[in-house]
PDB file of all heavy atoms in Angstrom:
ATOM      1  N   HIS A   1       5.222   0.519   7.259  1.00  0.00           N
ATOM      2  CA  HIS A   1       4.214   1.572   7.414  1.00  0.00           C
ATOM      3  C   HIS A   1       2.888   0.959   6.978  1.00  0.00           C
ATOM      4  O   HIS A   1       2.661   0.720   5.784  1.00  0.00           O
ATOM      5  CB  HIS A   1       4.569   2.791   6.560  1.00  0.00           C
ATOM      6  CG  HIS A   1       5.821   3.475   6.999  1.00  0.00           C
ATOM      7  ND1 HIS A   1       5.852   4.418   8.002  1.00  0.00           N
ATOM      8  CD2 HIS A   1       7.108   3.338   6.585  1.00  0.00           C
ATOM      9  CE1 HIS A   1       7.095   4.832   8.187  1.00  0.00           C
ATOM     10  NE2 HIS A   1       7.875   4.188   7.336  1.00  0.00           N
ATOM     11  N   PRO A   2       1.997   0.663   7.920  1.00  0.00           N
ATOM     12  CA  PRO A   2       0.821  -0.147   7.601  1.00  0.00           C
ATOM     13  C   PRO A   2      -0.098   0.449   6.549  1.00  0.00           C
ATOM     14  O   PRO A   2      -0.696  -0.294   5.758  1.00  0.00           O
ATOM     15  CB  PRO A   2       0.104  -0.279   8.956  1.00  0.00           C
ATOM     16  CG  PRO A   2       0.631   0.850   9.793  1.00  0.00           C
ATOM     17  CD  PRO A   2       2.033   1.062   9.332  1.00  0.00           C
ATOM     18  N   ASP A   3      -0.213   1.780   6.511  1.00  0.00           N
ATOM     19  CA  ASP A   3      -1.129   2.394   5.557  1.00  0.00           C
ATOM     20  C   ASP A   3      -0.719   2.131   4.113  1.00  0.00           C
ATOM     21  O   ASP A   3      -1.570   2.113   3.216  1.00  0.00           O
ATOM     22  CB  ASP A   3      -1.221   3.898   5.801  1.00  0.00           C
ATOM     23  CG  ASP A   3       0.134   4.592   5.727  1.00  0.00           C
ATOM     24  OD1 ASP A   3       1.072   4.137   6.418  1.00  0.00           O
ATOM     25  OD2 ASP A   3       0.266   5.586   4.994  1.00  0.00           O
ATOM     26  N   ILE A   4       0.572   1.887   3.865  1.00  0.00           N
ATOM     27  CA  ILE A   4       1.041   1.653   2.511  1.00  0.00           C
ATOM     28  C   ILE A   4       0.448   0.376   1.926  1.00  0.00           C
ATOM     29  O   ILE A   4       0.266   0.266   0.710  1.00  0.00           O
ATOM     30  CB  ILE A   4       2.582   1.583   2.495  1.00  0.00           C
ATOM     31  CG1 ILE A   4       3.182   2.907   2.977  1.00  0.00           C
ATOM     32  CG2 ILE A   4       3.121   1.240   1.106  1.00  0.00           C
ATOM     33  CD1 ILE A   4       2.774   4.106   2.152  1.00  0.00           C
ATOM     34  N   SER A   5       0.128  -0.594   2.772  1.00  0.00           N
ATOM     35  CA  SER A   5      -0.450  -1.851   2.287  1.00  0.00           C
ATOM     36  C   SER A   5      -1.918  -2.006   2.653  1.00  0.00           C
ATOM     37  O   SER A   5      -2.446  -3.119   2.723  1.00  0.00           O
ATOM     38  CB  SER A   5       0.356  -3.041   2.811  1.00  0.00           C
ATOM     39  OG  SER A   5       0.567  -2.947   4.213  1.00  0.00           O
ATOM     40  N   GLY A   6      -2.599  -0.880   2.889  1.00  0.00           N
ATOM     41  CA  GLY A   6      -4.047  -0.913   3.049  1.00  0.00           C
ATOM     42  C   GLY A   6      -4.550  -1.117   4.457  1.00  0.00           C
ATOM     43  O   GLY A   6      -5.743  -1.359   4.654  1.00  0.00           O
ATOM     44  N   TRP A   7      -3.671  -1.006   5.449  1.00  0.00           N
ATOM     45  CA  TRP A   7      -4.086  -1.205   6.828  1.00  0.00           C
ATOM     46  C   TRP A   7      -4.439   0.124   7.495  1.00  0.00           C
ATOM     47  O   TRP A   7      -3.824   1.152   7.234  1.00  0.00           O
ATOM     48  CB  TRP A   7      -2.964  -1.867   7.627  1.00  0.00           C
ATOM     49  CG  TRP A   7      -2.725  -3.296   7.250  1.00  0.00           C
ATOM     50  CD1 TRP A   7      -1.913  -3.754   6.262  1.00  0.00           C
ATOM     51  CD2 TRP A   7      -3.317  -4.452   7.850  1.00  0.00           C
ATOM     52  NE1 TRP A   7      -1.948  -5.121   6.204  1.00  0.00           N
ATOM     53  CE2 TRP A   7      -2.802  -5.581   7.169  1.00  0.00           C
ATOM     54  CE3 TRP A   7      -4.229  -4.649   8.893  1.00  0.00           C
ATOM     55  CZ2 TRP A   7      -3.172  -6.887   7.500  1.00  0.00           C
ATOM     56  CZ3 TRP A   7      -4.593  -5.940   9.225  1.00  0.00           C
ATOM     57  CH2 TRP A   7      -4.069  -7.046   8.542  1.00  0.00           C
ATOM     58  N   THR A   8      -5.420   0.061   8.403  1.00  0.00           N
ATOM     59  CA  THR A   8      -5.788   1.190   9.251  1.00  0.00           C
ATOM     60  C   THR A   8      -5.864   0.672  10.681  1.00  0.00           C
ATOM     61  O   THR A   8      -6.950   0.348  11.184  1.00  0.00           O
ATOM     62  CB  THR A   8      -7.139   1.802   8.830  1.00  0.00           C
ATOM     63  OG1 THR A   8      -7.110   2.095   7.428  1.00  0.00           O
ATOM     64  CG2 THR A   8      -7.427   3.087   9.599  1.00  0.00           C
ATOM     65  N   PRO A   9      -4.713   0.527  11.362  1.00  0.00           N
ATOM     66  CA  PRO A   9      -4.701  -0.122  12.679  1.00  0.00           C
ATOM     67  C   PRO A   9      -5.609   0.517  13.711  1.00  0.00           C
ATOM     68  O   PRO A   9      -6.078  -0.162  14.628  1.00  0.00           O
ATOM     69  CB  PRO A   9      -3.226  -0.001  13.092  1.00  0.00           C
ATOM     70  CG  PRO A   9      -2.482   0.032  11.808  1.00  0.00           C
ATOM     71  CD  PRO A   9      -3.354   0.845  10.886  1.00  0.00           C
ATOM     72  N   ALA A  10      -5.884   1.811  13.580  1.00  0.00           N
ATOM     73  CA  ALA A  10      -6.752   2.463  14.563  1.00  0.00           C
ATOM     74  C   ALA A  10      -8.207   2.019  14.432  1.00  0.00           C
ATOM     75  O   ALA A  10      -8.990   2.158  15.372  1.00  0.00           O
ATOM     76  CB  ALA A  10      -6.658   3.974  14.412  1.00  0.00           C
ATOM     77  N   ALA A  11      -8.578   1.471  13.281  1.00  0.00           N
ATOM     78  CA  ALA A  11      -9.947   0.991  13.077  1.00  0.00           C
ATOM     79  C   ALA A  11     -10.039  -0.446  13.588  1.00  0.00           C
ATOM     80  O   ALA A  11      -9.956  -1.409  12.825  1.00  0.00           O
ATOM     81  CB  ALA A  11     -10.314   1.069  11.601  1.00  0.00           C
ATOM     82  N   THR A  12     -10.183  -0.590  14.893  1.00  0.00           N
ATOM     83  CA  THR A  12     -10.057  -1.905  15.521  1.00  0.00           C
ATOM     84  C   THR A  12     -11.101  -2.910  15.030  1.00  0.00           C
ATOM     85  O   THR A  12     -10.847  -4.103  15.005  1.00  0.00           O
ATOM     86  CB  THR A  12     -10.164  -1.781  17.045  1.00  0.00           C
ATOM     87  OG1 THR A  12     -11.367  -1.067  17.377  1.00  0.00           O
ATOM     88  CG2 THR A  12      -8.971  -1.017  17.603  1.00  0.00           C
ATOM     89  N   ALA A  13     -12.278  -2.427  14.634  1.00  0.00           N
ATOM     90  CA  ALA A  13     -13.307  -3.355  14.164  1.00  0.00           C
ATOM     91  C   ALA A  13     -12.966  -3.921  12.788  1.00  0.00           C
ATOM     92  O   ALA A  13     -13.306  -5.067  12.470  1.00  0.00           O
ATOM     93  CB  ALA A  13     -14.665  -2.658  14.119  1.00  0.00           C
ATOM     94  N   ALA A  14     -12.295  -3.131  11.966  1.00  0.00           N
ATOM     95  CA  ALA A  14     -11.925  -3.566  10.611  1.00  0.00           C
ATOM     96  C   ALA A  14     -10.604  -2.905  10.237  1.00  0.00           C
ATOM     97  O   ALA A  14     -10.575  -1.942   9.473  1.00  0.00           O
ATOM     98  CB  ALA A  14     -13.014  -3.196   9.616  1.00  0.00           C
ATOM     99  N   PRO A  15      -9.480  -3.436  10.766  1.00  0.00           N
ATOM    100  CA  PRO A  15      -8.200  -2.764  10.552  1.00  0.00           C
ATOM    101  C   PRO A  15      -7.609  -2.930   9.158  1.00  0.00           C
ATOM    102  O   PRO A  15      -6.608  -2.312   8.847  1.00  0.00           O
ATOM    103  CB  PRO A  15      -7.290  -3.431  11.591  1.00  0.00           C
ATOM    104  CG  PRO A  15      -7.893  -4.776  11.795  1.00  0.00           C
ATOM    105  CD  PRO A  15      -9.365  -4.599  11.656  1.00  0.00           C
ATOM    106  N   HIS A  16      -8.220  -3.753   8.320  1.00  0.00           N
ATOM    107  CA  HIS A  16      -7.660  -3.999   6.982  1.00  0.00           C
ATOM    108  C   HIS A  16      -8.723  -3.760   5.910  1.00  0.00           C
ATOM    109  O   HIS A  16      -9.143  -4.678   5.200  1.00  0.00           O
ATOM    110  CB  HIS A  16      -7.139  -5.439   6.903  1.00  0.00           C
ATOM    111  CG  HIS A  16      -6.144  -5.655   5.807  1.00  0.00           C
ATOM    112  ND1 HIS A  16      -5.806  -6.894   5.358  1.00  0.00           N
ATOM    113  CD2 HIS A  16      -5.402  -4.790   5.057  1.00  0.00           C
ATOM    114  CE1 HIS A  16      -4.906  -6.817   4.390  1.00  0.00           C
ATOM    115  NE2 HIS A  16      -4.658  -5.541   4.192  1.00  0.00           N
ATOM    116  N   PRO A  17      -9.161  -2.500   5.758  1.00  0.00           N
ATOM    117  CA  PRO A  17     -10.278  -2.216   4.854  1.00  0.00           C
ATOM    118  C   PRO A  17      -9.923  -2.303   3.379  1.00  0.00           C
ATOM    119  O   PRO A  17     -10.810  -2.496   2.541  1.00  0.00           O
ATOM    120  CB  PRO A  17     -10.670  -0.783   5.229  1.00  0.00           C
ATOM    121  CG  PRO A  17      -9.401  -0.184   5.751  1.00  0.00           C
ATOM    122  CD  PRO A  17      -8.688  -1.297   6.446  1.00  0.00           C
ATOM    123  N   GLN A  18      -8.639  -2.148   3.023  1.00  0.00           N
ATOM    124  CA  GLN A  18      -8.237  -2.144   1.617  1.00  0.00           C
ATOM    125  C   GLN A  18      -7.055  -3.082   1.402  1.00  0.00           C
ATOM    126  O   GLN A  18      -5.916  -2.650   1.251  1.00  0.00           O
ATOM    127  CB  GLN A  18      -7.876  -0.726   1.174  1.00  0.00           C
ATOM    128  CG  GLN A  18      -9.042   0.249   1.239  1.00  0.00           C
ATOM    129  CD  GLN A  18      -8.644   1.647   0.827  1.00  0.00           C
ATOM    130  OE1 GLN A  18      -7.588   2.144   1.209  1.00  0.00           O
ATOM    131  NE2 GLN A  18      -9.470   2.279   0.018  1.00  0.00           N
ATOM    132  N   PRO A  19      -7.294  -4.391   1.404  1.00  0.00           N
ATOM    133  CA  PRO A  19      -6.195  -5.354   1.244  1.00  0.00           C
ATOM    134  C   PRO A  19      -5.437  -5.125  -0.058  1.00  0.00           C
ATOM    135  O   PRO A  19      -6.003  -4.754  -1.077  1.00  0.00           O
ATOM    136  CB  PRO A  19      -6.920  -6.704   1.229  1.00  0.00           C
ATOM    137  CG  PRO A  19      -8.222  -6.457   1.916  1.00  0.00           C
ATOM    138  CD  PRO A  19      -8.604  -5.054   1.553  1.00  0.00           C
ATOM    139  N   MET A  20      -4.129  -5.341  -0.001  1.00  0.00           N
ATOM    140  CA  MET A  20      -3.269  -5.171  -1.161  1.00  0.00           C
ATOM    141  C   MET A  20      -2.423  -6.424  -1.333  1.00  0.00           C
ATOM    142  O   MET A  20      -1.968  -7.012  -0.339  1.00  0.00           O
ATOM    143  CB  MET A  20      -2.373  -3.946  -0.962  1.00  0.00           C
ATOM    144  CG  MET A  20      -1.439  -3.647  -2.119  1.00  0.00           C
ATOM    145  SD  MET A  20      -0.308  -2.259  -1.758  1.00  0.00           S
ATOM    146  CE  MET A  20      -1.477  -0.897  -1.648  1.00  0.00           C
ATOM    147  N   SER A  21      -2.185  -6.814  -2.551  1.00  0.00           N
ATOM    148  CA  SER A  21      -1.323  -7.955  -2.826  1.00  0.00           C
ATOM    149  C   SER A  21       0.130  -7.509  -2.929  1.00  0.00           C
ATOM    150  O   SER A  21       0.428  -6.322  -3.119  1.00  0.00           O
ATOM    151  CB  SER A  21      -1.744  -8.639  -4.126  1.00  0.00           C
ATOM    152  OG  SER A  21      -1.444  -7.799  -5.240  1.00  0.00           O
ATOM    153  N   CYS A  22       1.045  -8.468  -2.829  1.00  0.00           N
ATOM    154  CA  CYS A  22       2.471  -8.154  -3.003  1.00  0.00           C
ATOM    155  C   CYS A  22       2.727  -7.613  -4.409  1.00  0.00           C
ATOM    156  O   CYS A  22       3.535  -6.693  -4.594  1.00  0.00           O
ATOM    157  CB  CYS A  22       3.315  -9.394  -2.752  1.00  0.00           C
ATOM    158  SG  CYS A  22       3.518  -9.802  -0.997  1.00  0.00           S
ATOM    159  N   ARG A  23       2.068  -8.180  -5.397  1.00  0.00           N
ATOM    160  CA  ARG A  23       2.252  -7.705  -6.769  1.00  0.00           C
ATOM    161  C   ARG A  23       1.796  -6.253  -6.904  1.00  0.00           C
ATOM    162  O   ARG A  23       2.479  -5.428  -7.521  1.00  0.00           O
ATOM    163  CB  ARG A  23       1.500  -8.597  -7.748  1.00  0.00           C
ATOM    164  CG  ARG A  23       1.561  -8.112  -9.197  1.00  0.00           C
ATOM    165  CD  ARG A  23       0.985  -9.123 -10.158  1.00  0.00           C
ATOM    166  NE  ARG A  23       1.845 -10.286 -10.253  1.00  0.00           N
ATOM    167  CZ  ARG A  23       2.912 -10.363 -11.046  1.00  0.00           C
ATOM    168  NH1 ARG A  23       3.271  -9.321 -11.789  1.00  0.00           N
ATOM    169  NH2 ARG A  23       3.638 -11.449 -11.086  1.00  0.00           N
ATOM    170  N   HIS A  24       0.642  -5.938  -6.348  1.00  0.00           N
ATOM    171  CA  HIS A  24       0.132  -4.572  -6.391  1.00  0.00           C
ATOM    172  C   HIS A  24       1.108  -3.614  -5.717  1.00  0.00           C
ATOM    173  O   HIS A  24       1.390  -2.517  -6.226  1.00  0.00           O
ATOM    174  CB  HIS A  24      -1.247  -4.515  -5.711  1.00  0.00           C
ATOM    175  CG  HIS A  24      -1.891  -3.175  -5.740  1.00  0.00           C
ATOM    176  ND1 HIS A  24      -3.088  -2.904  -5.106  1.00  0.00           N
ATOM    177  CD2 HIS A  24      -1.511  -1.998  -6.310  1.00  0.00           C
ATOM    178  CE1 HIS A  24      -3.400  -1.630  -5.281  1.00  0.00           C
ATOM    179  NE2 HIS A  24      -2.467  -1.053  -6.003  1.00  0.00           N
ATOM    180  N   TYR A  25       1.627  -4.037  -4.585  1.00  0.00           N
ATOM    181  CA  TYR A  25       2.573  -3.206  -3.829  1.00  0.00           C
ATOM    182  C   TYR A  25       3.819  -2.922  -4.662  1.00  0.00           C
ATOM    183  O   TYR A  25       4.278  -1.770  -4.763  1.00  0.00           O
ATOM    184  CB  TYR A  25       2.929  -3.939  -2.538  1.00  0.00           C
ATOM    185  CG  TYR A  25       3.916  -3.242  -1.621  1.00  0.00           C
ATOM    186  CD1 TYR A  25       3.826  -1.877  -1.364  1.00  0.00           C
ATOM    187  CD2 TYR A  25       4.918  -3.967  -0.987  1.00  0.00           C
ATOM    188  CE1 TYR A  25       4.719  -1.249  -0.499  1.00  0.00           C
ATOM    189  CE2 TYR A  25       5.811  -3.350  -0.116  1.00  0.00           C
ATOM    190  CZ  TYR A  25       5.707  -1.999   0.119  1.00  0.00           C
ATOM    191  OH  TYR A  25       6.588  -1.376   0.968  1.00  0.00           O
ATOM    192  N   ALA A  26       4.380  -3.950  -5.284  1.00  0.00           N
ATOM    193  CA  ALA A  26       5.583  -3.776  -6.106  1.00  0.00           C
ATOM    194  C   ALA A  26       5.299  -2.922  -7.333  1.00  0.00           C
ATOM    195  O   ALA A  26       6.111  -2.068  -7.719  1.00  0.00           O
ATOM    196  CB  ALA A  26       6.132  -5.134  -6.516  1.00  0.00           C
ATOM    197  N   ASP A  27       4.155  -3.150  -7.966  1.00  0.00           N
ATOM    198  CA  ASP A  27       3.815  -2.377  -9.175  1.00  0.00           C
ATOM    199  C   ASP A  27       3.684  -0.889  -8.847  1.00  0.00           C
ATOM    200  O   ASP A  27       4.179  -0.029  -9.594  1.00  0.00           O
ATOM    201  CB  ASP A  27       2.509  -2.893  -9.780  1.00  0.00           C
ATOM    202  CG  ASP A  27       2.656  -4.257 -10.445  1.00  0.00           C
ATOM    203  OD1 ASP A  27       3.802  -4.702 -10.637  1.00  0.00           O
ATOM    204  OD2 ASP A  27       1.621  -4.880 -10.758  1.00  0.00           O
ATOM    205  N   ALA A  28       2.997  -0.586  -7.746  1.00  0.00           N
ATOM    206  CA  ALA A  28       2.812   0.815  -7.353  1.00  0.00           C
ATOM    207  C   ALA A  28       4.157   1.463  -7.014  1.00  0.00           C
ATOM    208  O   ALA A  28       4.420   2.614  -7.396  1.00  0.00           O
ATOM    209  CB  ALA A  28       1.864   0.903  -6.157  1.00  0.00           C
ATOM    210  N   ALA A  29       5.019   0.723  -6.321  1.00  0.00           N
ATOM    211  CA  ALA A  29       6.337   1.268  -5.962  1.00  0.00           C
ATOM    212  C   ALA A  29       7.185   1.517  -7.202  1.00  0.00           C
ATOM    213  O   ALA A  29       7.906   2.521  -7.277  1.00  0.00           O
ATOM    214  CB  ALA A  29       7.046   0.301  -5.014  1.00  0.00           C
ATOM    215  N   GLU A  30       7.086   0.632  -8.187  1.00  0.00           N
ATOM    216  CA  GLU A  30       7.877   0.830  -9.404  1.00  0.00           C
ATOM    217  C   GLU A  30       7.391   2.047 -10.181  1.00  0.00           C
ATOM    218  O   GLU A  30       8.200   2.780 -10.757  1.00  0.00           O
ATOM    219  CB  GLU A  30       7.843  -0.421 -10.278  1.00  0.00           C
ATOM    220  CG  GLU A  30       8.810  -0.354 -11.448  1.00  0.00           C
ATOM    221  CD  GLU A  30       9.217  -1.702 -11.974  1.00  0.00           C
ATOM    222  OE1 GLU A  30       8.400  -2.638 -11.912  1.00  0.00           O
ATOM    223  OE2 GLU A  30      10.359  -1.830 -12.460  1.00  0.00           O
ATOM    224  N   ARG A  31       6.099   2.283 -10.186  1.00  0.00           N
ATOM    225  CA  ARG A  31       5.586   3.485 -10.847  1.00  0.00           C
ATOM    226  C   ARG A  31       6.130   4.740 -10.166  1.00  0.00           C
ATOM    227  O   ARG A  31       6.500   5.715 -10.846  1.00  0.00           O
ATOM    228  CB  ARG A  31       4.053   3.481 -10.845  1.00  0.00           C
ATOM    229  CG  ARG A  31       3.431   2.470 -11.804  1.00  0.00           C
ATOM    230  CD  ARG A  31       1.949   2.729 -11.996  1.00  0.00           C
ATOM    231  NE  ARG A  31       1.184   2.570 -10.776  1.00  0.00           N
ATOM    232  CZ  ARG A  31       0.642   1.411 -10.384  1.00  0.00           C
ATOM    233  NH1 ARG A  31       0.805   0.318 -11.125  1.00  0.00           N
ATOM    234  NH2 ARG A  31      -0.062   1.333  -9.265  1.00  0.00           N
ATOM    235  N   HIS A  32       6.166   4.735  -8.836  1.00  0.00           N
ATOM    236  CA  HIS A  32       6.699   5.889  -8.107  1.00  0.00           C
ATOM    237  C   HIS A  32       8.184   6.063  -8.387  1.00  0.00           C
ATOM    238  O   HIS A  32       8.669   7.202  -8.539  1.00  0.00           O
ATOM    239  CB  HIS A  32       6.463   5.717  -6.606  1.00  0.00           C
ATOM    240  CG  HIS A  32       5.084   6.074  -6.164  1.00  0.00           C
ATOM    241  ND1 HIS A  32       4.088   5.150  -5.992  1.00  0.00           N
ATOM    242  CD2 HIS A  32       4.520   7.279  -5.867  1.00  0.00           C
ATOM    243  CE1 HIS A  32       2.979   5.747  -5.598  1.00  0.00           C
ATOM    244  NE2 HIS A  32       3.207   7.044  -5.529  1.00  0.00           N
ATOM    245  N   LEU A  33       8.922   4.965  -8.471  1.00  0.00           N
ATOM    246  CA  LEU A  33      10.344   5.063  -8.777  1.00  0.00           C
ATOM    247  C   LEU A  33      10.544   5.645 -10.171  1.00  0.00           C
ATOM    248  O   LEU A  33      11.389   6.532 -10.370  1.00  0.00           O
ATOM    249  CB  LEU A  33      11.002   3.691  -8.685  1.00  0.00           C
ATOM    250  CG  LEU A  33      12.514   3.704  -8.892  1.00  0.00           C
ATOM    251  CD1 LEU A  33      13.223   4.154  -7.620  1.00  0.00           C
ATOM    252  CD2 LEU A  33      13.029   2.335  -9.322  1.00  0.00           C
ATOM    253  N   ASP A  34       9.770   5.177 -11.139  1.00  0.00           N
ATOM    254  CA  ASP A  34       9.889   5.690 -12.508  1.00  0.00           C
ATOM    255  C   ASP A  34       9.584   7.187 -12.557  1.00  0.00           C
ATOM    256  O   ASP A  34      10.252   7.945 -13.279  1.00  0.00           O
ATOM    257  CB  ASP A  34       8.950   4.923 -13.436  1.00  0.00           C
ATOM    258  CG  ASP A  34       9.424   3.507 -13.701  1.00  0.00           C
ATOM    259  OD1 ASP A  34      10.629   3.241 -13.535  1.00  0.00           O
ATOM    260  OD2 ASP A  34       8.578   2.664 -14.071  1.00  0.00           O
ATOM    261  N   ALA A  35       8.578   7.608 -11.794  1.00  0.00           N
ATOM    262  CA  ALA A  35       8.235   9.034 -11.766  1.00  0.00           C
ATOM    263  C   ALA A  35       9.384   9.849 -11.162  1.00  0.00           C
ATOM    264  O   ALA A  35       9.721  10.936 -11.651  1.00  0.00           O
ATOM    265  CB  ALA A  35       6.956   9.249 -10.963  1.00  0.00           C
ATOM    266  N   GLY A  36      10.009   9.317 -10.102  1.00  0.00           N
ATOM    267  CA  GLY A  36      11.139  10.013  -9.501  1.00  0.00           C
ATOM    268  C   GLY A  36      12.329  10.093 -10.435  1.00  0.00           C
ATOM    269  O   GLY A  36      13.010  11.120 -10.515  1.00  0.00           O
ATOM    270  N   LEU A  37      12.585   9.013 -11.162  1.00  0.00           N
ATOM    271  CA  LEU A  37      13.676   9.019 -12.138  1.00  0.00           C
ATOM    272  C   LEU A  37      13.432  10.043 -13.238  1.00  0.00           C
ATOM    273  O   LEU A  37      14.354  10.758 -13.657  1.00  0.00           O
ATOM    274  CB  LEU A  37      13.823   7.620 -12.754  1.00  0.00           C
ATOM    275  CG  LEU A  37      14.536   6.579 -11.900  1.00  0.00           C
ATOM    276  CD1 LEU A  37      14.313   5.186 -12.472  1.00  0.00           C
ATOM    277  CD2 LEU A  37      16.023   6.890 -11.807  1.00  0.00           C
ATOM    278  N   LYS A  38      12.194  10.129 -13.687  1.00  0.00           N
ATOM    279  CA  LYS A  38      11.855  11.086 -14.737  1.00  0.00           C
ATOM    280  C   LYS A  38      12.130  12.515 -14.276  1.00  0.00           C
ATOM    281  O   LYS A  38      12.726  13.323 -15.017  1.00  0.00           O
ATOM    282  CB  LYS A  38      10.395  10.926 -15.132  1.00  0.00           C
ATOM    283  CG  LYS A  38       9.955  11.872 -16.242  1.00  0.00           C
ATOM    284  CD  LYS A  38       8.481  11.661 -16.589  1.00  0.00           C
ATOM    285  CE  LYS A  38       8.034  12.644 -17.669  1.00  0.00           C
ATOM    286  NZ  LYS A  38       6.587  12.472 -18.000  1.00  0.00           N
TER     287      LYS A  38
END
């Protein structure tokens, strides 16, 4: 799902306005998992 990693494919002039690193992606997902567990 491109929006999860900062992509906006419909914006053809600049489809990647908010680049995300793999570390950032994993950290954010772990926070969501912890919230769900709680």
